[in-house]
Amino acid sequence: MNGLRVSLGEADELLKQVAGAQSLAADIMICPPATLIAAMADKLTSSTIAVGAQDCHAKTSGARTGDISPEMLADAGASAVIVGHSERRADHGESDDDVNAKAQAVHRAGIVAIICIGETEDERRAGRALEVVTGQLRGSLPAGANAANTIIAYEPVWAIGTGLTPTPADIAEVHGGIRSELEQILGEGEGASVRILYGGSVKGANAAELMAIENVNGALVGGASLKAQDFFEILAVYVDG
């Protein structure tokens, strides 16, 4: 819940920095609040930067005041929707079934579902991180999911906005477990192709180390995405030359 129309200037600044990079080997997406999606999509129309949304309702339309369907988000210019973020799960009581229904709805709208999973601090201390994360994956991943329409984002709840991050070994273990689970559910070839993002206090200072971990295919960035310079310091990991 950050960003007013003045924040569109940060997109202009990011465009300049991306244009100045010799070779940026990464897909870039900005997921602003719903109030800015259409304006952001208009601004980025001719660029390589995509626009996504932060949440949606599972239904196409109806008497649901205040909710937004994935079809409406796609119409505004979004090409993906984040579903199941830990703040939605915790603050709004969303279950795996709810996330699954939202991901199905995103696919129905013809756009990409970014499905978030992650354990709490208590769950990690109890040695249940992998159990919890793979359980959430099984419960949240809808039928028909594939590498083209689905991205998985692992965000340990205790690392979001705290400045804390798991060790590279911890991340490698969880991402490896997610990869194995995807290969079991979707088949070895398809499961190996699904992108798995890491999120949780990603910043320029730790991005190179985090993005080098096996089965980490990118980052879901929170606070560091609010300023173009901070965001580009993460993207710079993927600049060649």
Protein backbone atom coordinates (compact mmCIF):
# COMPACT_ATOMS: atom_id res chain seq x y z
CA MET A 1 0.00 0.00 0.00
CA ASN A 2 2.52 2.51 -1.28
CA GLY A 3 2.45 4.92 -4.22
CA LEU A 4 0.62 7.97 -5.51
CA ARG A 5 0.62 9.42 -9.03
CA VAL A 6 3.84 11.26 -8.20
CA SER A 7 5.45 7.81 -7.88
CA LEU A 8 5.17 7.40 -11.65
CA GLY A 9 8.29 9.53 -11.83
CA GLU A 10 10.23 6.61 -10.37
CA ALA A 11 9.19 4.55 -13.40
CA ASP A 12 10.61 7.26 -15.66
CA GLU A 13 13.88 7.12 -13.75
CA LEU A 14 13.98 3.32 -13.95
CA LEU A 15 13.40 3.48 -17.71
CA LYS A 16 16.43 5.77 -18.04
CA GLN A 17 18.64 3.46 -16.02
CA VAL A 18 17.52 0.34 -17.88
CA ALA A 19 18.07 2.09 -21.22
CA GLY A 20 21.59 3.00 -20.13
CA ALA A 21 22.54 -0.58 -19.28
CA GLN A 22 24.59 -2.27 -22.00
CA SER A 23 22.96 -5.67 -21.64
CA LEU A 24 20.30 -6.44 -19.04
CA ALA A 25 19.51 -10.15 -19.05
CA ALA A 26 16.36 -10.05 -16.94
CA ASP A 27 12.61 -9.72 -17.24
CA ILE A 28 11.39 -6.71 -15.26
CA MET A 29 7.91 -6.20 -13.82
CA ILE A 30 6.48 -3.48 -11.59
CA CYS A 31 3.42 -4.35 -9.49
CA PRO A 32 1.98 -1.02 -8.27
CA PRO A 33 -1.24 -0.56 -6.30
CA ALA A 34 -4.38 -0.97 -8.40
CA THR A 35 -4.87 2.80 -8.56
CA LEU A 36 -1.70 3.15 -10.63
CA ILE A 37 -1.86 0.09 -12.90
CA ALA A 38 -3.47 1.79 -15.91
CA ALA A 39 -1.23 4.87 -15.70
CA MET A 40 1.87 2.72 -15.22
CA ALA A 41 0.91 0.45 -18.14
CA ASP A 42 0.41 3.49 -20.38
CA LYS A 43 3.82 4.86 -19.38
CA LEU A 44 5.58 1.54 -20.02
CA THR A 45 3.73 0.54 -23.20
CA SER A 46 6.71 0.81 -25.53
CA SER A 47 9.27 -0.46 -22.99
CA THR A 48 10.44 -3.92 -21.96
CA ILE A 49 9.10 -3.41 -18.42
CA ALA A 50 5.86 -5.25 -17.69
CA VAL A 51 3.13 -4.30 -15.20
CA GLY A 52 1.46 -6.60 -12.70
CA ALA A 53 -1.05 -6.37 -9.86
CA GLN A 54 -0.76 -7.18 -6.16
CA ASP A 55 -3.96 -9.18 -5.62
CA CYS A 56 -7.34 -10.01 -7.12
CA HIS A 57 -10.73 -11.57 -6.41
CA ALA A 58 -11.45 -15.05 -7.71
CA LYS A 59 -14.72 -14.11 -9.41
CA THR A 60 -15.06 -12.43 -12.80
CA SER A 61 -17.68 -9.88 -11.70
CA GLY A 62 -20.62 -9.40 -9.37
CA ALA A 63 -21.89 -7.59 -6.30
CA ARG A 64 -18.53 -7.49 -4.54
CA THR A 65 -17.92 -3.84 -3.72
CA GLY A 66 -14.26 -2.94 -3.48
CA ASP A 67 -12.94 -6.12 -5.09
CA ILE A 68 -11.15 -6.31 -8.44
CA SER A 69 -11.22 -9.29 -10.80
CA PRO A 70 -8.20 -10.44 -12.80
CA GLU A 71 -10.12 -9.60 -15.98
CA MET A 72 -10.40 -5.99 -14.78
CA LEU A 73 -6.70 -5.92 -13.94
CA ALA A 74 -5.79 -7.33 -17.36
CA ASP A 75 -8.03 -4.70 -18.95
CA ALA A 76 -6.10 -2.01 -17.03
CA GLY A 77 -2.81 -3.33 -18.43
CA ALA A 78 -1.62 -5.95 -15.95
CA SER A 79 0.04 -9.05 -17.38
CA ALA A 80 0.39 -10.85 -14.02
CA VAL A 81 -1.12 -10.91 -10.54
CA ILE A 82 0.56 -11.73 -7.24
CA VAL A 83 -1.59 -14.10 -5.16
CA GLY A 84 -1.07 -15.59 -1.72
CA HIS A 85 1.38 -13.02 -0.39
CA SER A 86 2.01 -13.66 3.29
CA GLU A 87 0.37 -10.36 4.20
CA ARG A 88 -2.82 -11.51 2.45
CA ARG A 89 -2.62 -14.89 4.14
CA ALA A 90 -1.99 -13.40 7.59
CA ASP A 91 -3.98 -10.15 7.53
CA HIS A 92 -6.95 -11.41 5.49
CA GLY A 93 -6.98 -15.05 6.54
CA GLU A 94 -6.48 -16.40 3.03
CA SER A 95 -6.08 -20.17 2.90
CA ASP A 96 -4.32 -22.30 0.30
CA ASP A 97 -7.76 -22.98 -1.21
CA ASP A 98 -8.37 -19.23 -1.54
CA VAL A 99 -4.99 -18.73 -3.20
CA ASN A 100 -5.65 -21.68 -5.51
CA ALA A 101 -8.98 -20.16 -6.58
CA LYS A 102 -7.32 -16.78 -7.24
CA ALA A 103 -4.54 -18.40 -9.27
CA GLN A 104 -7.15 -20.26 -11.33
CA ALA A 105 -8.92 -16.94 -11.91
CA VAL A 106 -5.69 -15.29 -13.05
CA HIS A 107 -5.17 -18.09 -15.57
CA ARG A 108 -8.80 -17.70 -16.67
CA ALA A 109 -8.02 -14.08 -17.50
CA GLY A 110 -5.09 -15.19 -19.66
CA ILE A 111 -2.34 -13.70 -17.51
CA VAL A 112 0.39 -15.01 -15.19
CA ALA A 113 -0.13 -16.00 -11.55
CA ILE A 114 2.75 -15.26 -9.16
CA ILE A 115 2.02 -17.59 -6.25
CA CYS A 116 3.68 -16.71 -2.93
CA ILE A 117 4.59 -19.28 -0.28
CA GLY A 118 6.70 -19.06 2.86
CA GLU A 119 7.06 -20.12 6.48
CA THR A 120 6.82 -18.11 9.70
CA GLU A 121 9.67 -17.74 12.18
CA ASP A 122 8.07 -20.23 14.56
CA GLU A 123 7.69 -22.78 11.77
CA ARG A 124 11.34 -22.41 10.78
CA ARG A 125 12.53 -22.71 14.37
CA ALA A 126 10.47 -25.89 14.67
CA GLY A 127 12.30 -27.33 11.64
CA ARG A 128 9.13 -27.33 9.54
CA ALA A 129 10.08 -24.79 6.86
CA LEU A 130 10.27 -27.23 3.96
CA GLU A 131 7.15 -29.10 5.09
CA VAL A 132 5.14 -25.87 5.33
CA VAL A 133 6.37 -24.44 2.04
CA THR A 134 5.80 -27.58 -0.03
CA GLY A 135 2.39 -28.01 1.61
CA GLN A 136 1.43 -24.46 0.62
CA LEU A 137 2.69 -25.14 -2.90
CA ARG A 138 0.58 -28.27 -3.28
CA GLY A 139 -2.49 -26.51 -1.90
CA SER A 140 -2.08 -23.27 -3.85
CA LEU A 141 -0.98 -24.54 -7.27
CA PRO A 142 -4.07 -24.89 -9.52
CA ALA A 143 -4.75 -27.49 -12.17
CA GLY A 144 -3.45 -26.30 -15.51
CA ALA A 145 -0.46 -24.50 -14.02
CA ASN A 146 2.65 -24.53 -16.19
CA ALA A 147 5.89 -22.63 -16.74
CA ALA A 148 4.18 -20.13 -19.06
CA ASN A 149 1.33 -19.10 -16.76
CA THR A 150 2.77 -19.54 -13.26
CA ILE A 151 5.70 -18.23 -11.23
CA ILE A 152 6.44 -19.30 -7.66
CA ALA A 153 7.79 -16.81 -5.12
CA TYR A 154 9.34 -18.07 -1.89
CA GLU A 155 9.21 -15.43 0.83
CA PRO A 156 10.04 -16.50 4.37
CA VAL A 157 7.54 -14.46 6.36
CA TRP A 158 10.08 -13.53 9.03
CA ALA A 159 12.43 -11.99 6.42
CA ILE A 160 9.93 -9.59 4.81
CA GLY A 161 10.84 -6.00 5.61
CA THR A 162 12.97 -7.00 8.59
CA GLY A 163 16.40 -6.81 7.03
CA LEU A 164 16.90 -10.47 7.94
CA THR A 165 17.57 -13.12 5.32
CA PRO A 166 18.00 -16.89 5.51
CA THR A 167 21.47 -18.21 4.80
CA PRO A 168 22.28 -19.17 1.20
CA ALA A 169 22.19 -22.81 2.32
CA ASP A 170 18.71 -22.36 3.80
CA ILE A 171 17.44 -20.75 0.60
CA ALA A 172 19.05 -23.41 -1.58
CA GLU A 173 17.38 -26.13 0.49
CA VAL A 174 13.91 -24.60 0.23
CA HIS A 175 14.19 -23.70 -3.45
CA GLY A 176 15.49 -27.20 -4.15
CA GLY A 177 12.50 -28.65 -2.32
CA ILE A 178 10.12 -26.43 -4.29
CA ARG A 179 11.77 -27.51 -7.54
CA SER A 180 11.44 -31.19 -6.66
CA GLU A 181 7.79 -30.70 -5.73
CA LEU A 182 7.08 -28.87 -8.99
CA GLU A 183 8.69 -31.67 -10.97
CA GLN A 184 6.53 -34.23 -9.15
CA ILE A 185 3.32 -32.26 -9.72
CA LEU A 186 3.89 -30.93 -13.24
CA GLY A 187 6.32 -33.48 -14.65
CA GLU A 188 10.08 -33.25 -14.72
CA GLY A 189 10.41 -31.06 -17.81
CA GLU A 190 7.66 -28.58 -16.98
CA GLY A 191 8.54 -28.44 -13.31
CA ALA A 192 12.16 -27.69 -14.14
CA SER A 193 11.09 -24.71 -16.25
CA VAL A 194 8.89 -22.87 -13.73
CA ARG A 195 10.61 -19.77 -12.39
CA ILE A 196 11.10 -19.66 -8.61
CA LEU A 197 11.72 -16.19 -7.18
CA TYR A 198 13.21 -15.39 -3.78
CA GLY A 199 11.74 -12.53 -1.77
CA GLY A 200 12.43 -11.12 1.67
CA SER A 201 14.73 -8.15 2.30
CA VAL A 202 16.34 -8.37 -1.14
CA LYS A 203 18.49 -5.30 -1.79
CA GLY A 204 21.45 -4.21 -3.85
CA ALA A 205 23.92 -5.26 -1.17
CA ASN A 206 22.82 -8.91 -1.11
CA ALA A 207 21.26 -9.41 -4.56
CA ALA A 208 24.33 -10.90 -6.25
CA GLU A 209 24.74 -13.55 -3.55
CA LEU A 210 21.03 -14.39 -3.45
CA MET A 211 20.53 -14.55 -7.21
CA ALA A 212 23.53 -16.89 -7.59
CA ILE A 213 21.89 -19.60 -5.46
CA GLU A 214 20.79 -22.71 -7.35
CA ASN A 215 17.09 -22.67 -8.34
CA VAL A 216 16.76 -18.95 -7.58
CA ASN A 217 15.48 -17.53 -10.87
CA GLY A 218 14.89 -13.94 -9.80
CA ALA A 219 13.58 -11.78 -6.98
CA LEU A 220 10.22 -10.58 -5.71
CA VAL A 221 11.23 -7.18 -4.37
CA GLY A 222 9.32 -5.21 -1.74
CA GLY A 223 10.62 -2.05 -0.11
CA ALA A 224 13.65 -1.75 -2.38
CA SER A 225 11.35 -1.38 -5.40
CA LEU A 226 9.90 1.95 -4.23
CA LYS A 227 12.88 3.96 -5.47
CA ALA A 228 14.28 3.47 -8.97
CA GLN A 229 17.88 3.66 -7.81
CA ASP A 230 17.40 0.99 -5.13
CA PHE A 231 15.55 -1.27 -7.56
CA PHE A 232 18.16 -0.84 -10.28
CA GLU A 233 20.93 -1.81 -7.85
CA ILE A 234 19.24 -5.22 -7.71
CA LEU A 235 18.71 -5.35 -11.48
CA ALA A 236 22.39 -4.50 -11.95
CA VAL A 237 23.18 -8.09 -10.97
CA TYR A 238 21.85 -9.05 -14.40
CA VAL A 239 23.74 -6.38 -16.36
CA ASP A 240 26.39 -7.88 -18.62
CA GLY A 241 29.05 -5.36 -19.44
